[in-house]
Amino acid sequence: MQNFIIFVLLMVSTPVLADRPEFICTARNAEEVISIARRFSSNDKNNHCSVSCLLALRCSKAESFASGILKEIRDFFGSGNPEMADIRANRIGIGLVRNQRARFENECLEQCSLYYP
């Protein structure tokens, strides 16, 4: 129950995003970017960071963030393990694109490895 409350608070406290997520782009790209991230690292937090970064490059930052939140909600109601640390890793990956530290896919993988070796 505590995790559910944390997720609700996170959703309520999330600032309004400028571009509305449509989820078409992430649906089209999710499988490929997950595969790229997993080939590069087996570290779960690195994968969250990398996938979010790669999706933010290919799609929008809002769509990438919303997809990460939805994945954690799905974990909460399913067989996964929802973690706030996963959401932090997602935010780091998106921040790399926002701050232009990752402008290409290989930069996403390299930068996320600095945070999560």
PDB file of N, CA and C in Angstrom:
ATOM      1  N   MET A   1       0.818  -1.197   0.000  1.00  0.00           N
ATOM      2  CA  MET A   1       0.000   0.000   0.000  1.00  0.00           C
ATOM      3  C   MET A   1       0.858   1.256   0.000  1.00  0.00           C
ATOM      4  N   GLN A   2       1.989   1.199   0.705  1.00  0.00           N
ATOM      5  CA  GLN A   2       2.885   2.356   0.771  1.00  0.00           C
ATOM      6  C   GLN A   2       3.416   2.708  -0.612  1.00  0.00           C
ATOM      7  N   ASN A   3       3.784   1.704  -1.399  1.00  0.00           N
ATOM      8  CA  ASN A   3       4.271   1.964  -2.752  1.00  0.00           C
ATOM      9  C   ASN A   3       3.199   2.615  -3.616  1.00  0.00           C
ATOM     10  N   PHE A   4       1.946   2.170  -3.463  1.00  0.00           N
ATOM     11  CA  PHE A   4       0.865   2.759  -4.238  1.00  0.00           C
ATOM     12  C   PHE A   4       0.708   4.237  -3.898  1.00  0.00           C
ATOM     13  N   ILE A   5       0.787   4.569  -2.635  1.00  0.00           N
ATOM     14  CA  ILE A   5       0.678   5.966  -2.209  1.00  0.00           C
ATOM     15  C   ILE A   5       1.820   6.791  -2.797  1.00  0.00           C
ATOM     16  N   ILE A   6       3.021   6.234  -2.808  1.00  0.00           N
ATOM     17  CA  ILE A   6       4.173   6.932  -3.386  1.00  0.00           C
ATOM     18  C   ILE A   6       3.929   7.205  -4.865  1.00  0.00           C
ATOM     19  N   PHE A   7       3.397   6.209  -5.592  1.00  0.00           N
ATOM     20  CA  PHE A   7       3.129   6.408  -7.013  1.00  0.00           C
ATOM     21  C   PHE A   7       2.067   7.469  -7.239  1.00  0.00           C
ATOM     22  N   VAL A   8       1.023   7.471  -6.437  1.00  0.00           N
ATOM     23  CA  VAL A   8      -0.022   8.485  -6.585  1.00  0.00           C
ATOM     24  C   VAL A   8       0.550   9.873  -6.314  1.00  0.00           C
ATOM     25  N   LEU A   9       1.347  10.004  -5.262  1.00  0.00           N
ATOM     26  CA  LEU A   9       1.970  11.290  -4.957  1.00  0.00           C
ATOM     27  C   LEU A   9       2.897  11.737  -6.073  1.00  0.00           C
ATOM     28  N   LEU A  10       3.619  10.797  -6.635  1.00  0.00           N
ATOM     29  CA  LEU A  10       4.507  11.133  -7.747  1.00  0.00           C
ATOM     30  C   LEU A  10       3.715  11.647  -8.931  1.00  0.00           C
ATOM     31  N   MET A  11       2.635  10.977  -9.249  1.00  0.00           N
ATOM     32  CA  MET A  11       1.828  11.396 -10.392  1.00  0.00           C
ATOM     33  C   MET A  11       1.219  12.779 -10.162  1.00  0.00           C
ATOM     34  N   VAL A  12       0.779  13.044  -8.950  1.00  0.00           N
ATOM     35  CA  VAL A  12       0.170  14.335  -8.644  1.00  0.00           C
ATOM     36  C   VAL A  12       1.216  15.441  -8.638  1.00  0.00           C
ATOM     37  N   SER A  13       2.413  15.125  -8.158  1.00  0.00           N
ATOM     38  CA  SER A  13       3.441  16.158  -8.033  1.00  0.00           C
ATOM     39  C   SER A  13       4.265  16.355  -9.299  1.00  0.00           C
ATOM     40  N   THR A  14       4.083  15.502 -10.294  1.00  0.00           N
ATOM     41  CA  THR A  14       4.822  15.646 -11.542  1.00  0.00           C
ATOM     42  C   THR A  14       4.395  16.931 -12.238  1.00  0.00           C
ATOM     43  N   PRO A  15       5.349  17.779 -12.608  1.00  0.00           N
ATOM     44  CA  PRO A  15       4.971  19.026 -13.282  1.00  0.00           C
ATOM     45  C   PRO A  15       4.284  18.749 -14.617  1.00  0.00           C
ATOM     46  N   VAL A  16       3.446  19.661 -15.012  1.00  0.00           N
ATOM     47  CA  VAL A  16       2.756  19.544 -16.303  1.00  0.00           C
ATOM     48  C   VAL A  16       3.810  19.591 -17.400  1.00  0.00           C
ATOM     49  N   LEU A  17       3.734  18.638 -18.298  1.00  0.00           N
ATOM     50  CA  LEU A  17       4.728  18.527 -19.360  1.00  0.00           C
ATOM     51  C   LEU A  17       4.261  19.301 -20.580  1.00  0.00           C
ATOM     52  N   ALA A  18       5.192  19.966 -21.241  1.00  0.00           N
ATOM     53  CA  ALA A  18       4.866  20.833 -22.370  1.00  0.00           C
ATOM     54  C   ALA A  18       4.306  20.044 -23.560  1.00  0.00           C
ATOM     55  N   ASP A  19       4.910  18.907 -23.862  1.00  0.00           N
ATOM     56  CA  ASP A  19       4.423  18.115 -24.993  1.00  0.00           C
ATOM     57  C   ASP A  19       3.674  16.900 -24.466  1.00  0.00           C
ATOM     58  N   ARG A  20       2.503  16.681 -24.974  1.00  0.00           N
ATOM     59  CA  ARG A  20       1.631  15.617 -24.497  1.00  0.00           C
ATOM     60  C   ARG A  20       2.099  14.268 -25.038  1.00  0.00           C
ATOM     61  N   PRO A  21       2.255  13.280 -24.162  1.00  0.00           N
ATOM     62  CA  PRO A  21       2.666  11.957 -24.652  1.00  0.00           C
ATOM     63  C   PRO A  21       1.555  11.274 -25.432  1.00  0.00           C
ATOM     64  N   GLU A  22       1.907  10.685 -26.549  1.00  0.00           N
ATOM     65  CA  GLU A  22       0.944   9.966 -27.384  1.00  0.00           C
ATOM     66  C   GLU A  22       1.149   8.455 -27.310  1.00  0.00           C
ATOM     67  N   PHE A  23       2.331   8.006 -26.941  1.00  0.00           N
ATOM     68  CA  PHE A  23       2.699   6.602 -26.777  1.00  0.00           C
ATOM     69  C   PHE A  23       2.803   5.822 -28.075  1.00  0.00           C
ATOM     70  N   ILE A  24       2.559   6.449 -29.201  1.00  0.00           N
ATOM     71  CA  ILE A  24       2.717   5.761 -30.479  1.00  0.00           C
ATOM     72  C   ILE A  24       4.195   5.531 -30.748  1.00  0.00           C
ATOM     73  N   CYS A  25       4.981   6.543 -30.522  1.00  0.00           N
ATOM     74  CA  CYS A  25       6.421   6.436 -30.776  1.00  0.00           C
ATOM     75  C   CYS A  25       7.071   5.415 -29.854  1.00  0.00           C
ATOM     76  N   THR A  26       6.749   5.461 -28.557  1.00  0.00           N
ATOM     77  CA  THR A  26       7.366   4.498 -27.650  1.00  0.00           C
ATOM     78  C   THR A  26       6.917   3.080 -27.964  1.00  0.00           C
ATOM     79  N   ALA A  27       5.671   2.913 -28.352  1.00  0.00           N
ATOM     80  CA  ALA A  27       5.195   1.573 -28.716  1.00  0.00           C
ATOM     81  C   ALA A  27       5.975   1.037 -29.909  1.00  0.00           C
ATOM     82  N   ARG A  28       6.292   1.919 -30.843  1.00  0.00           N
ATOM     83  CA  ARG A  28       7.019   1.529 -32.048  1.00  0.00           C
ATOM     84  C   ARG A  28       8.492   1.238 -31.752  1.00  0.00           C
ATOM     85  N   ASN A  29       9.066   1.909 -30.759  1.00  0.00           N
ATOM     86  CA  ASN A  29      10.508   1.832 -30.516  1.00  0.00           C
ATOM     87  C   ASN A  29      10.913   1.052 -29.277  1.00  0.00           C
ATOM     88  N   ALA A  30       9.986   0.732 -28.403  1.00  0.00           N
ATOM     89  CA  ALA A  30      10.326   0.136 -27.101  1.00  0.00           C
ATOM     90  C   ALA A  30      11.141  -1.143 -27.219  1.00  0.00           C
ATOM     91  N   GLU A  31      10.682  -2.070 -28.020  1.00  0.00           N
ATOM     92  CA  GLU A  31      11.369  -3.363 -28.117  1.00  0.00           C
ATOM     93  C   GLU A  31      12.821  -3.188 -28.562  1.00  0.00           C
ATOM     94  N   GLU A  32      13.052  -2.342 -29.548  1.00  0.00           N
ATOM     95  CA  GLU A  32      14.416  -2.148 -30.063  1.00  0.00           C
ATOM     96  C   GLU A  32      15.316  -1.478 -29.029  1.00  0.00           C
ATOM     97  N   VAL A  33      14.838  -0.417 -28.371  1.00  0.00           N
ATOM     98  CA  VAL A  33      15.713   0.280 -27.421  1.00  0.00           C
ATOM     99  C   VAL A  33      15.962  -0.565 -26.171  1.00  0.00           C
ATOM    100  N   ILE A  34      14.994  -1.371 -25.775  1.00  0.00           N
ATOM    101  CA  ILE A  34      15.220  -2.286 -24.646  1.00  0.00           C
ATOM    102  C   ILE A  34      16.307  -3.289 -25.019  1.00  0.00           C
ATOM    103  N   SER A  35      16.256  -3.795 -26.238  1.00  0.00           N
ATOM    104  CA  SER A  35      17.273  -4.742 -26.710  1.00  0.00           C
ATOM    105  C   SER A  35      18.659  -4.096 -26.749  1.00  0.00           C
ATOM    106  N   ILE A  36      18.739  -2.871 -27.223  1.00  0.00           N
ATOM    107  CA  ILE A  36      20.021  -2.146 -27.270  1.00  0.00           C
ATOM    108  C   ILE A  36      20.570  -1.979 -25.859  1.00  0.00           C
ATOM    109  N   ALA A  37      19.724  -1.529 -24.936  1.00  0.00           N
ATOM    110  CA  ALA A  37      20.167  -1.300 -23.555  1.00  0.00           C
ATOM    111  C   ALA A  37      20.634  -2.586 -22.897  1.00  0.00           C
ATOM    112  N   ARG A  38      19.903  -3.673 -23.104  1.00  0.00           N
ATOM    113  CA  ARG A  38      20.269  -4.953 -22.476  1.00  0.00           C
ATOM    114  C   ARG A  38      21.545  -5.542 -23.057  1.00  0.00           C
ATOM    115  N   ARG A  39      21.792  -5.305 -24.353  1.00  0.00           N
ATOM    116  CA  ARG A  39      23.046  -5.782 -24.944  1.00  0.00           C
ATOM    117  C   ARG A  39      24.235  -5.016 -24.377  1.00  0.00           C
ATOM    118  N   PHE A  40      24.017  -3.766 -24.022  1.00  0.00           N
ATOM    119  CA  PHE A  40      25.101  -2.914 -23.533  1.00  0.00           C
ATOM    120  C   PHE A  40      25.404  -3.167 -22.057  1.00  0.00           C
ATOM    121  N   SER A  41      24.374  -3.433 -21.240  1.00  0.00           N
ATOM    122  CA  SER A  41      24.577  -3.601 -19.802  1.00  0.00           C
ATOM    123  C   SER A  41      23.519  -4.526 -19.227  1.00  0.00           C
ATOM    124  N   SER A  42      23.892  -5.236 -18.170  1.00  0.00           N
ATOM    125  CA  SER A  42      22.923  -6.074 -17.462  1.00  0.00           C
ATOM    126  C   SER A  42      22.443  -5.402 -16.176  1.00  0.00           C
ATOM    127  N   ASN A  43      22.942  -4.208 -15.894  1.00  0.00           N
ATOM    128  CA  ASN A  43      22.547  -3.459 -14.703  1.00  0.00           C
ATOM    129  C   ASN A  43      21.147  -2.874 -14.904  1.00  0.00           C
ATOM    130  N   ASP A  44      20.219  -3.216 -14.010  1.00  0.00           N
ATOM    131  CA  ASP A  44      18.821  -2.790 -14.153  1.00  0.00           C
ATOM    132  C   ASP A  44      18.687  -1.271 -14.218  1.00  0.00           C
ATOM    133  N   LYS A  45      19.347  -0.555 -13.343  1.00  0.00           N
ATOM    134  CA  LYS A  45      19.222   0.912 -13.320  1.00  0.00           C
ATOM    135  C   LYS A  45      19.859   1.519 -14.575  1.00  0.00           C
ATOM    136  N   ASN A  46      20.953   0.942 -15.043  1.00  0.00           N
ATOM    137  CA  ASN A  46      21.560   1.389 -16.294  1.00  0.00           C
ATOM    138  C   ASN A  46      20.561   1.203 -17.436  1.00  0.00           C
ATOM    139  N   ASN A  47      19.861   0.077 -17.432  1.00  0.00           N
ATOM    140  CA  ASN A  47      18.864  -0.182 -18.480  1.00  0.00           C
ATOM    141  C   ASN A  47      17.731   0.840 -18.428  1.00  0.00           C
ATOM    142  N   HIS A  48      17.256   1.162 -17.237  1.00  0.00           N
ATOM    143  CA  HIS A  48      16.199   2.179 -17.118  1.00  0.00           C
ATOM    144  C   HIS A  48      16.681   3.516 -17.656  1.00  0.00           C
ATOM    145  N   CYS A  49      17.879   3.914 -17.262  1.00  0.00           N
ATOM    146  CA  CYS A  49      18.470   5.171 -17.726  1.00  0.00           C
ATOM    147  C   CYS A  49      18.621   5.165 -19.247  1.00  0.00           C
ATOM    148  N   SER A  50      19.197   4.104 -19.769  1.00  0.00           N
ATOM    149  CA  SER A  50      19.465   4.014 -21.209  1.00  0.00           C
ATOM    150  C   SER A  50      18.187   3.985 -22.033  1.00  0.00           C
ATOM    151  N   VAL A  51      17.216   3.184 -21.622  1.00  0.00           N
ATOM    152  CA  VAL A  51      15.963   3.097 -22.374  1.00  0.00           C
ATOM    153  C   VAL A  51      15.268   4.458 -22.392  1.00  0.00           C
ATOM    154  N   SER A  52      15.208   5.119 -21.241  1.00  0.00           N
ATOM    155  CA  SER A  52      14.565   6.435 -21.187  1.00  0.00           C
ATOM    156  C   SER A  52      15.299   7.449 -22.049  1.00  0.00           C
ATOM    157  N   CYS A  53      16.609   7.406 -22.031  1.00  0.00           N
ATOM    158  CA  CYS A  53      17.416   8.314 -22.843  1.00  0.00           C
ATOM    159  C   CYS A  53      17.190   8.041 -24.333  1.00  0.00           C
ATOM    160  N   LEU A  54      17.251   6.784 -24.712  1.00  0.00           N
ATOM    161  CA  LEU A  54      17.060   6.421 -26.117  1.00  0.00           C
ATOM    162  C   LEU A  54      15.664   6.800 -26.601  1.00  0.00           C
ATOM    163  N   LEU A  55      14.659   6.554 -25.767  1.00  0.00           N
ATOM    164  CA  LEU A  55      13.292   6.939 -26.146  1.00  0.00           C
ATOM    165  C   LEU A  55      13.143   8.449 -26.234  1.00  0.00           C
ATOM    166  N   ALA A  56      13.808   9.183 -25.344  1.00  0.00           N
ATOM    167  CA  ALA A  56      13.741  10.650 -25.388  1.00  0.00           C
ATOM    168  C   ALA A  56      14.402  11.188 -26.653  1.00  0.00           C
ATOM    169  N   LEU A  57      15.404  10.487 -27.165  1.00  0.00           N
ATOM    170  CA  LEU A  57      16.023  10.889 -28.434  1.00  0.00           C
ATOM    171  C   LEU A  57      15.092  10.614 -29.611  1.00  0.00           C
ATOM    172  N   ARG A  58      14.453   9.459 -29.598  1.00  0.00           N
ATOM    173  CA  ARG A  58      13.624   9.044 -30.727  1.00  0.00           C
ATOM    174  C   ARG A  58      12.211   9.621 -30.677  1.00  0.00           C
ATOM    175  N   CYS A  59      11.707   9.825 -29.490  1.00  0.00           N
ATOM    176  CA  CYS A  59      10.321  10.263 -29.319  1.00  0.00           C
ATOM    177  C   CYS A  59      10.338  11.636 -28.637  1.00  0.00           C
ATOM    178  N   SER A  60       9.551  11.807 -27.621  1.00  0.00           N
ATOM    179  CA  SER A  60       9.596  13.048 -26.855  1.00  0.00           C
ATOM    180  C   SER A  60       9.997  12.727 -25.424  1.00  0.00           C
ATOM    181  N   LYS A  61      10.496  13.727 -24.729  1.00  0.00           N
ATOM    182  CA  LYS A  61      10.864  13.544 -23.339  1.00  0.00           C
ATOM    183  C   LYS A  61       9.635  13.199 -22.504  1.00  0.00           C
ATOM    184  N   ALA A  62       8.512  13.838 -22.791  1.00  0.00           N
ATOM    185  CA  ALA A  62       7.272  13.571 -22.047  1.00  0.00           C
ATOM    186  C   ALA A  62       6.814  12.130 -22.256  1.00  0.00           C
ATOM    187  N   GLU A  63       6.891  11.665 -23.479  1.00  0.00           N
ATOM    188  CA  GLU A  63       6.456  10.299 -23.773  1.00  0.00           C
ATOM    189  C   GLU A  63       7.374   9.286 -23.102  1.00  0.00           C
ATOM    190  N   SER A  64       8.663   9.562 -23.109  1.00  0.00           N
ATOM    191  CA  SER A  64       9.613   8.685 -22.446  1.00  0.00           C
ATOM    192  C   SER A  64       9.341   8.623 -20.945  1.00  0.00           C
ATOM    193  N   PHE A  65       9.132   9.778 -20.327  1.00  0.00           N
ATOM    194  CA  PHE A  65       8.865   9.831 -18.886  1.00  0.00           C
ATOM    195  C   PHE A  65       7.567   9.109 -18.543  1.00  0.00           C
ATOM    196  N   ALA A  66       6.525   9.386 -19.281  1.00  0.00           N
ATOM    197  CA  ALA A  66       5.231   8.763 -19.015  1.00  0.00           C
ATOM    198  C   ALA A  66       5.304   7.249 -19.193  1.00  0.00           C
ATOM    199  N   SER A  67       6.051   6.779 -20.169  1.00  0.00           N
ATOM    200  CA  SER A  67       6.203   5.341 -20.388  1.00  0.00           C
ATOM    201  C   SER A  67       6.902   4.679 -19.208  1.00  0.00           C
ATOM    202  N   GLY A  68       7.903   5.365 -18.659  1.00  0.00           N
ATOM    203  CA  GLY A  68       8.600   4.835 -17.488  1.00  0.00           C
ATOM    204  C   GLY A  68       7.684   4.744 -16.278  1.00  0.00           C
ATOM    205  N   ILE A  69       6.848   5.769 -16.082  1.00  0.00           N
ATOM    206  CA  ILE A  69       5.889   5.754 -14.978  1.00  0.00           C
ATOM    207  C   ILE A  69       4.887   4.611 -15.173  1.00  0.00           C
ATOM    208  N   LEU A  70       4.388   4.470 -16.377  1.00  0.00           N
ATOM    209  CA  LEU A  70       3.425   3.399 -16.648  1.00  0.00           C
ATOM    210  C   LEU A  70       4.032   2.018 -16.429  1.00  0.00           C
ATOM    211  N   LYS A  71       5.308   1.878 -16.764  1.00  0.00           N
ATOM    212  CA  LYS A  71       5.982   0.593 -16.553  1.00  0.00           C
ATOM    213  C   LYS A  71       6.033   0.266 -15.063  1.00  0.00           C
ATOM    214  N   GLU A  72       6.329   1.258 -14.230  1.00  0.00           N
ATOM    215  CA  GLU A  72       6.372   1.019 -12.786  1.00  0.00           C
ATOM    216  C   GLU A  72       4.987   0.736 -12.217  1.00  0.00           C
ATOM    217  N   ILE A  73       3.970   1.388 -12.734  1.00  0.00           N
ATOM    218  CA  ILE A  73       2.599   1.107 -12.294  1.00  0.00           C
ATOM    219  C   ILE A  73       2.224  -0.312 -12.693  1.00  0.00           C
ATOM    220  N   ARG A  74       2.607  -0.709 -13.891  1.00  0.00           N
ATOM    221  CA  ARG A  74       2.351  -2.084 -14.335  1.00  0.00           C
ATOM    222  C   ARG A  74       3.070  -3.084 -13.416  1.00  0.00           C
ATOM    223  N   ASP A  75       4.310  -2.752 -13.024  1.00  0.00           N
ATOM    224  CA  ASP A  75       5.042  -3.614 -12.092  1.00  0.00           C
ATOM    225  C   ASP A  75       4.301  -3.720 -10.760  1.00  0.00           C
ATOM    226  N   PHE A  76       3.749  -2.603 -10.304  1.00  0.00           N
ATOM    227  CA  PHE A  76       3.038  -2.590  -9.024  1.00  0.00           C
ATOM    228  C   PHE A  76       1.835  -3.526  -9.046  1.00  0.00           C
ATOM    229  N   PHE A  77       1.089  -3.530 -10.127  1.00  0.00           N
ATOM    230  CA  PHE A  77      -0.114  -4.336 -10.209  1.00  0.00           C
ATOM    231  C   PHE A  77       0.146  -5.721 -10.795  1.00  0.00           C
ATOM    232  N   GLY A  78       1.350  -5.943 -11.293  1.00  0.00           N
ATOM    233  CA  GLY A  78       1.669  -7.226 -11.898  1.00  0.00           C
ATOM    234  C   GLY A  78       2.694  -7.984 -11.086  1.00  0.00           C
ATOM    235  N   SER A  79       3.543  -8.685 -11.789  1.00  0.00           N
ATOM    236  CA  SER A  79       4.533  -9.524 -11.111  1.00  0.00           C
ATOM    237  C   SER A  79       5.887  -8.837 -10.978  1.00  0.00           C
ATOM    238  N   GLY A  80       5.967  -7.571 -11.363  1.00  0.00           N
ATOM    239  CA  GLY A  80       7.242  -6.865 -11.295  1.00  0.00           C
ATOM    240  C   GLY A  80       7.519  -6.313  -9.913  1.00  0.00           C
ATOM    241  N   ASN A  81       8.617  -5.566  -9.824  1.00  0.00           N
ATOM    242  CA  ASN A  81       9.037  -4.963  -8.575  1.00  0.00           C
ATOM    243  C   ASN A  81       9.162  -3.451  -8.782  1.00  0.00           C
ATOM    244  N   PRO A  82       8.115  -2.680  -8.454  1.00  0.00           N
ATOM    245  CA  PRO A  82       8.187  -1.232  -8.665  1.00  0.00           C
ATOM    246  C   PRO A  82       9.180  -0.594  -7.695  1.00  0.00           C
ATOM    247  N   GLU A  83       9.994   0.315  -8.218  1.00  0.00           N
ATOM    248  CA  GLU A  83      10.994   0.978  -7.387  1.00  0.00           C
ATOM    249  C   GLU A  83      11.096   2.451  -7.763  1.00  0.00           C
ATOM    250  N   MET A  84      11.193   3.284  -6.753  1.00  0.00           N
ATOM    251  CA  MET A  84      11.417   4.706  -6.993  1.00  0.00           C
ATOM    252  C   MET A  84      12.785   4.916  -7.650  1.00  0.00           C
ATOM    253  N   ALA A  85      13.738   4.050  -7.343  1.00  0.00           N
ATOM    254  CA  ALA A  85      15.067   4.163  -7.944  1.00  0.00           C
ATOM    255  C   ALA A  85      15.005   3.985  -9.464  1.00  0.00           C
ATOM    256  N   ASP A  86      14.061   3.192  -9.948  1.00  0.00           N
ATOM    257  CA  ASP A  86      13.882   3.029 -11.394  1.00  0.00           C
ATOM    258  C   ASP A  86      13.415   4.346 -12.015  1.00  0.00           C
ATOM    259  N   ILE A  87      12.498   5.021 -11.334  1.00  0.00           N
ATOM    260  CA  ILE A  87      12.004   6.297 -11.839  1.00  0.00           C
ATOM    261  C   ILE A  87      13.119   7.345 -11.828  1.00  0.00           C
ATOM    262  N   ARG A  88      13.953   7.329 -10.796  1.00  0.00           N
ATOM    263  CA  ARG A  88      15.104   8.248 -10.762  1.00  0.00           C
ATOM    264  C   ARG A  88      16.046   7.973 -11.933  1.00  0.00           C
ATOM    265  N   ALA A  89      16.288   6.693 -12.222  1.00  0.00           N
ATOM    266  CA  ALA A  89      17.155   6.334 -13.349  1.00  0.00           C
ATOM    267  C   ALA A  89      16.537   6.796 -14.668  1.00  0.00           C
ATOM    268  N   ASN A  90      15.224   6.663 -14.794  1.00  0.00           N
ATOM    269  CA  ASN A  90      14.538   7.147 -15.996  1.00  0.00           C
ATOM    270  C   ASN A  90      14.731   8.658 -16.146  1.00  0.00           C
ATOM    271  N   ARG A  91      14.568   9.373 -15.047  1.00  0.00           N
ATOM    272  CA  ARG A  91      14.714  10.839 -15.083  1.00  0.00           C
ATOM    273  C   ARG A  91      16.139  11.253 -15.458  1.00  0.00           C
ATOM    274  N   ILE A  92      17.120  10.508 -14.976  1.00  0.00           N
ATOM    275  CA  ILE A  92      18.512  10.804 -15.336  1.00  0.00           C
ATOM    276  C   ILE A  92      18.697  10.638 -16.835  1.00  0.00           C
ATOM    277  N   GLY A  93      18.178   9.536 -17.395  1.00  0.00           N
ATOM    278  CA  GLY A  93      18.306   9.299 -18.835  1.00  0.00           C
ATOM    279  C   GLY A  93      17.668  10.399 -19.664  1.00  0.00           C
ATOM    280  N   ILE A  94      16.492  10.837 -19.265  1.00  0.00           N
ATOM    281  CA  ILE A  94      15.812  11.915 -19.982  1.00  0.00           C
ATOM    282  C   ILE A  94      16.562  13.224 -19.804  1.00  0.00           C
ATOM    283  N   GLY A  95      17.090  13.442 -18.612  1.00  0.00           N
ATOM    284  CA  GLY A  95      17.874  14.648 -18.347  1.00  0.00           C
ATOM    285  C   GLY A  95      19.115  14.733 -19.216  1.00  0.00           C
ATOM    286  N   LEU A  96      19.699  13.599 -19.558  1.00  0.00           N
ATOM    287  CA  LEU A  96      20.870  13.601 -20.439  1.00  0.00           C
ATOM    288  C   LEU A  96      20.527  14.199 -21.797  1.00  0.00           C
ATOM    289  N   VAL A  97      19.343  13.897 -22.285  1.00  0.00           N
ATOM    290  CA  VAL A  97      18.888  14.460 -23.564  1.00  0.00           C
ATOM    291  C   VAL A  97      18.546  15.934 -23.376  1.00  0.00           C
ATOM    292  N   ARG A  98      17.821  16.234 -22.324  1.00  0.00           N
ATOM    293  CA  ARG A  98      17.402  17.617 -22.057  1.00  0.00           C
ATOM    294  C   ARG A  98      18.622  18.552 -21.934  1.00  0.00           C
ATOM    295  N   ASN A  99      19.660  18.075 -21.264  1.00  0.00           N
ATOM    296  CA  ASN A  99      20.865  18.881 -21.058  1.00  0.00           C
ATOM    297  C   ASN A  99      21.888  18.736 -22.179  1.00  0.00           C
ATOM    298  N   GLN A 100      21.524  18.035 -23.222  1.00  0.00           N
ATOM    299  CA  GLN A 100      22.341  17.802 -24.416  1.00  0.00           C
ATOM    300  C   GLN A 100      23.669  17.105 -24.112  1.00  0.00           C
ATOM    301  N   ARG A 101      23.680  16.304 -23.062  1.00  0.00           N
ATOM    302  CA  ARG A 101      24.848  15.469 -22.790  1.00  0.00           C
ATOM    303  C   ARG A 101      24.776  14.184 -23.605  1.00  0.00           C
ATOM    304  N   ALA A 102      23.590  13.878 -24.110  1.00  0.00           N
ATOM    305  CA  ALA A 102      23.395  12.722 -24.991  1.00  0.00           C
ATOM    306  C   ALA A 102      22.588  13.203 -26.187  1.00  0.00           C
ATOM    307  N   ARG A 103      23.276  13.290 -27.328  1.00  0.00           N
ATOM    308  CA  ARG A 103      22.614  13.705 -28.565  1.00  0.00           C
ATOM    309  C   ARG A 103      22.515  12.569 -29.559  1.00  0.00           C
ATOM    310  N   PHE A 104      23.222  11.481 -29.263  1.00  0.00           N
ATOM    311  CA  PHE A 104      23.238  10.304 -30.114  1.00  0.00           C
ATOM    312  C   PHE A 104      23.067   9.067 -29.231  1.00  0.00           C
ATOM    313  N   GLU A 105      22.655   7.971 -29.823  1.00  0.00           N
ATOM    314  CA  GLU A 105      22.367   6.775 -29.041  1.00  0.00           C
ATOM    315  C   GLU A 105      23.567   6.265 -28.259  1.00  0.00           C
ATOM    316  N   ASN A 106      24.736   6.267 -28.852  1.00  0.00           N
ATOM    317  CA  ASN A 106      25.912   5.771 -28.131  1.00  0.00           C
ATOM    318  C   ASN A 106      26.230   6.647 -26.922  1.00  0.00           C
ATOM    319  N   GLU A 107      25.890   7.937 -26.999  1.00  0.00           N
ATOM    320  CA  GLU A 107      26.114   8.823 -25.856  1.00  0.00           C
ATOM    321  C   GLU A 107      25.162   8.491 -24.711  1.00  0.00           C
ATOM    322  N   CYS A 108      23.949   8.061 -25.023  1.00  0.00           N
ATOM    323  CA  CYS A 108      23.029   7.610 -23.972  1.00  0.00           C
ATOM    324  C   CYS A 108      23.648   6.449 -23.199  1.00  0.00           C
ATOM    325  N   LEU A 109      24.137   5.471 -23.931  1.00  0.00           N
ATOM    326  CA  LEU A 109      24.703   4.275 -23.300  1.00  0.00           C
ATOM    327  C   LEU A 109      25.940   4.616 -22.479  1.00  0.00           C
ATOM    328  N   GLU A 110      26.800   5.447 -23.022  1.00  0.00           N
ATOM    329  CA  GLU A 110      28.026   5.827 -22.316  1.00  0.00           C
ATOM    330  C   GLU A 110      27.739   6.660 -21.074  1.00  0.00           C
ATOM    331  N   GLN A 111      26.850   7.639 -21.193  1.00  0.00           N
ATOM    332  CA  GLN A 111      26.540   8.515 -20.066  1.00  0.00           C
ATOM    333  C   GLN A 111      25.820   7.755 -18.946  1.00  0.00           C
ATOM    334  N   CYS A 112      24.904   6.886 -19.308  1.00  0.00           N
ATOM    335  CA  CYS A 112      24.201   6.110 -18.277  1.00  0.00           C
ATOM    336  C   CYS A 112      25.165   5.177 -17.539  1.00  0.00           C
ATOM    337  N   SER A 113      26.192   4.717 -18.231  1.00  0.00           N
ATOM    338  CA  SER A 113      27.191   3.869 -17.585  1.00  0.00           C
ATOM    339  C   SER A 113      28.026   4.626 -16.564  1.00  0.00           C
ATOM    340  N   LEU A 114      28.100   5.949 -16.699  1.00  0.00           N
ATOM    341  CA  LEU A 114      28.802   6.748 -15.694  1.00  0.00           C
ATOM    342  C   LEU A 114      28.002   6.782 -14.393  1.00  0.00           C
ATOM    343  N   TYR A 115      26.684   6.776 -14.491  1.00  0.00           N
ATOM    344  CA  TYR A 115      25.817   6.789 -13.318  1.00  0.00           C
ATOM    345  C   TYR A 115      25.634   5.384 -12.747  1.00  0.00           C
ATOM    346  N   TYR A 116      25.532   4.410 -13.630  1.00  0.00           N
ATOM    347  CA  TYR A 116      25.257   3.029 -13.223  1.00  0.00           C
ATOM    348  C   TYR A 116      26.223   2.082 -13.932  1.00  0.00           C
ATOM    349  N   PRO A 117      27.416   1.929 -13.382  1.00  0.00           N
ATOM    350  CA  PRO A 117      28.430   1.062 -14.036  1.00  0.00           C
ATOM    351  C   PRO A 117      28.045  -0.409 -14.073  1.00  0.00           C
TER     352      PRO A 117
END
